[in-house]
């Protein structure tokens, strides 16, 4: 499934994201939100990579939700 992932994030990072416990995955997502606020409009490459990380995390959260692996308290 990671091979079909349409974004720039490599398979190694996707595997790491996939293996994170939900709490750590949410922490990683929160960090992407923090970084998004820190980047200036002029840093296109950094902002683009940050968006890809965010998409990868959200994709994994969606997979967990669809498969019933996301705890109900989140």
N, C-alpha and C. Protein backbone atom coordinates (compact mmCIF):
# COMPACT_ATOMS: atom_id res chain seq x y z
N UNK A 1 0.81 -1.19 0.00
CA UNK A 1 0.00 0.00 0.00
C UNK A 1 0.86 1.25 0.00
N UNK A 2 2.01 1.21 0.68
CA UNK A 2 2.89 2.38 0.72
C UNK A 2 3.42 2.71 -0.68
N UNK A 3 3.56 1.73 -1.53
CA UNK A 3 4.03 1.99 -2.89
C UNK A 3 3.05 2.83 -3.69
N UNK A 4 1.79 2.79 -3.31
CA UNK A 4 0.76 3.56 -4.02
C UNK A 4 0.58 4.95 -3.43
N UNK A 5 1.30 5.26 -2.38
CA UNK A 5 1.16 6.54 -1.71
C UNK A 5 1.57 7.65 -2.67
N UNK A 6 0.67 8.58 -2.98
CA UNK A 6 0.91 9.54 -4.06
C UNK A 6 1.74 10.76 -3.70
N UNK A 7 2.38 10.78 -2.57
CA UNK A 7 3.11 11.97 -2.16
C UNK A 7 4.61 11.74 -2.21
N UNK A 8 5.37 12.72 -1.74
CA UNK A 8 6.82 12.69 -1.84
C UNK A 8 7.52 11.91 -0.73
N UNK A 9 6.81 11.56 0.31
CA UNK A 9 7.40 10.87 1.45
C UNK A 9 7.85 9.48 1.02
N UNK A 10 9.07 9.10 1.40
CA UNK A 10 9.59 7.80 0.96
C UNK A 10 9.01 6.66 1.78
N UNK A 11 9.18 5.45 1.28
CA UNK A 11 8.61 4.26 1.92
C UNK A 11 9.16 4.02 3.32
N UNK A 12 10.41 4.37 3.56
CA UNK A 12 11.01 4.18 4.89
C UNK A 12 10.26 5.01 5.92
N UNK A 13 10.02 6.26 5.61
CA UNK A 13 9.28 7.12 6.54
C UNK A 13 7.85 6.63 6.70
N UNK A 14 7.23 6.17 5.63
CA UNK A 14 5.88 5.64 5.72
C UNK A 14 5.84 4.44 6.65
N UNK A 15 6.84 3.58 6.60
CA UNK A 15 6.89 2.42 7.49
C UNK A 15 7.05 2.87 8.94
N UNK A 16 7.89 3.89 9.17
CA UNK A 16 8.07 4.40 10.52
C UNK A 16 6.77 4.99 11.05
N UNK A 17 6.09 5.75 10.22
CA UNK A 17 4.82 6.35 10.61
C UNK A 17 3.80 5.26 10.91
N UNK A 18 3.78 4.25 10.07
CA UNK A 18 2.85 3.14 10.22
C UNK A 18 3.05 2.40 11.54
N UNK A 19 4.29 2.33 12.01
CA UNK A 19 4.60 1.58 13.23
C UNK A 19 4.55 2.41 14.51
N UNK A 20 4.29 3.70 14.40
CA UNK A 20 4.19 4.54 15.60
C UNK A 20 2.90 4.24 16.36
N UNK A 21 3.00 4.21 17.68
CA UNK A 21 1.76 4.14 18.47
C UNK A 21 0.92 5.39 18.19
N UNK A 22 -0.37 5.30 18.37
CA UNK A 22 -1.27 6.40 18.03
C UNK A 22 -0.89 7.69 18.75
N UNK A 23 -0.53 7.62 20.01
CA UNK A 23 -0.17 8.82 20.76
C UNK A 23 1.05 9.52 20.13
N UNK A 24 2.05 8.75 19.75
CA UNK A 24 3.24 9.33 19.11
C UNK A 24 2.92 9.85 17.72
N UNK A 25 2.04 9.18 17.02
CA UNK A 25 1.62 9.64 15.70
C UNK A 25 0.93 10.99 15.80
N UNK A 26 0.08 11.14 16.80
CA UNK A 26 -0.59 12.42 17.01
C UNK A 26 0.40 13.51 17.43
N UNK A 27 1.41 13.14 18.20
CA UNK A 27 2.46 14.10 18.56
C UNK A 27 3.22 14.56 17.32
N UNK A 28 3.52 13.62 16.43
CA UNK A 28 4.22 13.95 15.19
C UNK A 28 3.36 14.88 14.34
N UNK A 29 2.07 14.61 14.28
CA UNK A 29 1.16 15.48 13.53
C UNK A 29 1.14 16.88 14.14
N UNK A 30 1.12 16.94 15.48
CA UNK A 30 1.14 18.24 16.16
C UNK A 30 2.43 19.01 15.83
N UNK A 31 3.54 18.29 15.74
CA UNK A 31 4.81 18.94 15.38
C UNK A 31 4.75 19.50 13.96
N UNK A 32 4.10 18.79 13.05
CA UNK A 32 3.97 19.32 11.68
C UNK A 32 3.16 20.60 11.68
N UNK A 33 2.15 20.68 12.57
CA UNK A 33 1.35 21.89 12.66
C UNK A 33 2.18 23.04 13.21
N UNK A 34 3.01 22.76 14.19
CA UNK A 34 3.89 23.77 14.77
C UNK A 34 4.88 24.27 13.71
N UNK A 35 5.49 23.35 12.97
CA UNK A 35 6.45 23.74 11.94
C UNK A 35 5.79 24.55 10.84
N UNK A 36 4.57 24.20 10.52
CA UNK A 36 3.83 24.94 9.50
C UNK A 36 3.71 26.41 9.88
N UNK A 37 3.50 26.67 11.16
CA UNK A 37 3.41 28.05 11.65
C UNK A 37 4.76 28.75 11.61
N UNK A 38 5.86 28.00 11.72
CA UNK A 38 7.19 28.58 11.78
C UNK A 38 7.77 28.95 10.41
N UNK A 39 7.34 28.24 9.37
CA UNK A 39 7.91 28.50 8.05
C UNK A 39 7.37 29.80 7.46
N UNK A 40 8.26 30.53 6.84
CA UNK A 40 7.85 31.75 6.14
C UNK A 40 7.24 31.36 4.80
N UNK A 41 6.59 32.30 4.19
CA UNK A 41 6.03 32.08 2.85
C UNK A 41 7.13 31.79 1.83
N UNK A 42 8.33 32.30 2.04
CA UNK A 42 9.42 32.16 1.08
C UNK A 42 10.13 30.82 1.10
N UNK A 43 9.90 29.98 2.08
CA UNK A 43 10.58 28.70 2.18
C UNK A 43 9.72 27.60 1.56
N UNK A 44 9.55 27.64 0.27
CA UNK A 44 8.68 26.71 -0.43
C UNK A 44 9.05 25.25 -0.28
N UNK A 45 10.35 24.93 -0.38
CA UNK A 45 10.78 23.53 -0.30
C UNK A 45 10.53 22.96 1.09
N UNK A 46 10.84 23.71 2.13
CA UNK A 46 10.61 23.24 3.50
C UNK A 46 9.13 23.11 3.79
N UNK A 47 8.36 24.07 3.34
CA UNK A 47 6.92 24.03 3.54
C UNK A 47 6.31 22.84 2.81
N UNK A 48 6.78 22.58 1.59
CA UNK A 48 6.26 21.46 0.81
C UNK A 48 6.54 20.14 1.50
N UNK A 49 7.76 19.97 2.02
CA UNK A 49 8.10 18.73 2.72
C UNK A 49 7.27 18.58 3.98
N UNK A 50 7.06 19.68 4.70
CA UNK A 50 6.23 19.63 5.90
C UNK A 50 4.81 19.22 5.55
N UNK A 51 4.28 19.72 4.46
CA UNK A 51 2.94 19.33 4.02
C UNK A 51 2.88 17.85 3.68
N UNK A 52 3.95 17.32 3.11
CA UNK A 52 3.99 15.90 2.79
C UNK A 52 4.00 15.05 4.06
N UNK A 53 4.74 15.48 5.07
CA UNK A 53 4.73 14.77 6.36
C UNK A 53 3.32 14.79 6.95
N UNK A 54 2.70 15.96 6.91
CA UNK A 54 1.35 16.08 7.45
C UNK A 54 0.39 15.15 6.72
N UNK A 55 0.48 15.11 5.41
CA UNK A 55 -0.39 14.23 4.63
C UNK A 55 -0.14 12.76 4.96
N UNK A 56 1.11 12.41 5.16
CA UNK A 56 1.45 11.02 5.49
C UNK A 56 0.84 10.63 6.84
N UNK A 57 0.91 11.53 7.81
CA UNK A 57 0.35 11.25 9.13
C UNK A 57 -1.18 11.15 9.03
N UNK A 58 -1.80 12.08 8.34
CA UNK A 58 -3.25 12.05 8.20
C UNK A 58 -3.71 10.80 7.45
N UNK A 59 -2.95 10.39 6.45
CA UNK A 59 -3.25 9.16 5.72
C UNK A 59 -3.24 7.96 6.67
N UNK A 60 -2.22 7.88 7.51
CA UNK A 60 -2.13 6.76 8.46
C UNK A 60 -3.27 6.81 9.47
N UNK A 61 -3.63 8.00 9.93
CA UNK A 61 -4.76 8.12 10.85
C UNK A 61 -6.06 7.66 10.19
N UNK A 62 -6.23 7.99 8.91
CA UNK A 62 -7.41 7.53 8.19
C UNK A 62 -7.44 6.02 8.07
N UNK A 63 -6.30 5.42 7.77
CA UNK A 63 -6.22 3.96 7.66
C UNK A 63 -6.60 3.33 9.01
N UNK A 64 -6.07 3.87 10.08
CA UNK A 64 -6.38 3.33 11.41
C UNK A 64 -7.86 3.49 11.74
N UNK A 65 -8.44 4.60 11.35
CA UNK A 65 -9.87 4.83 11.59
C UNK A 65 -10.70 3.81 10.80
N UNK A 66 -10.36 3.61 9.53
CA UNK A 66 -11.12 2.70 8.68
C UNK A 66 -11.00 1.25 9.12
N UNK A 67 -9.86 0.89 9.68
CA UNK A 67 -9.64 -0.48 10.11
C UNK A 67 -10.02 -0.71 11.57
N UNK A 68 -10.49 0.33 12.25
CA UNK A 68 -10.90 0.19 13.64
C UNK A 68 -9.75 0.14 14.62
N UNK A 69 -8.57 0.57 14.21
CA UNK A 69 -7.39 0.52 15.08
C UNK A 69 -7.16 1.85 15.80
N UNK A 70 -8.00 2.82 15.56
CA UNK A 70 -7.87 4.12 16.24
C UNK A 70 -8.77 4.10 17.46
N UNK A 71 -8.21 4.32 18.65
CA UNK A 71 -9.03 4.30 19.86
C UNK A 71 -10.16 5.33 19.78
N UNK A 72 -11.26 5.02 20.42
CA UNK A 72 -12.43 5.89 20.37
C UNK A 72 -12.24 7.22 21.06
N UNK A 73 -11.27 7.31 21.96
CA UNK A 73 -11.09 8.56 22.71
C UNK A 73 -10.28 9.60 21.96
N UNK A 74 -9.94 9.36 20.70
CA UNK A 74 -9.20 10.34 19.91
C UNK A 74 -10.11 11.04 18.97
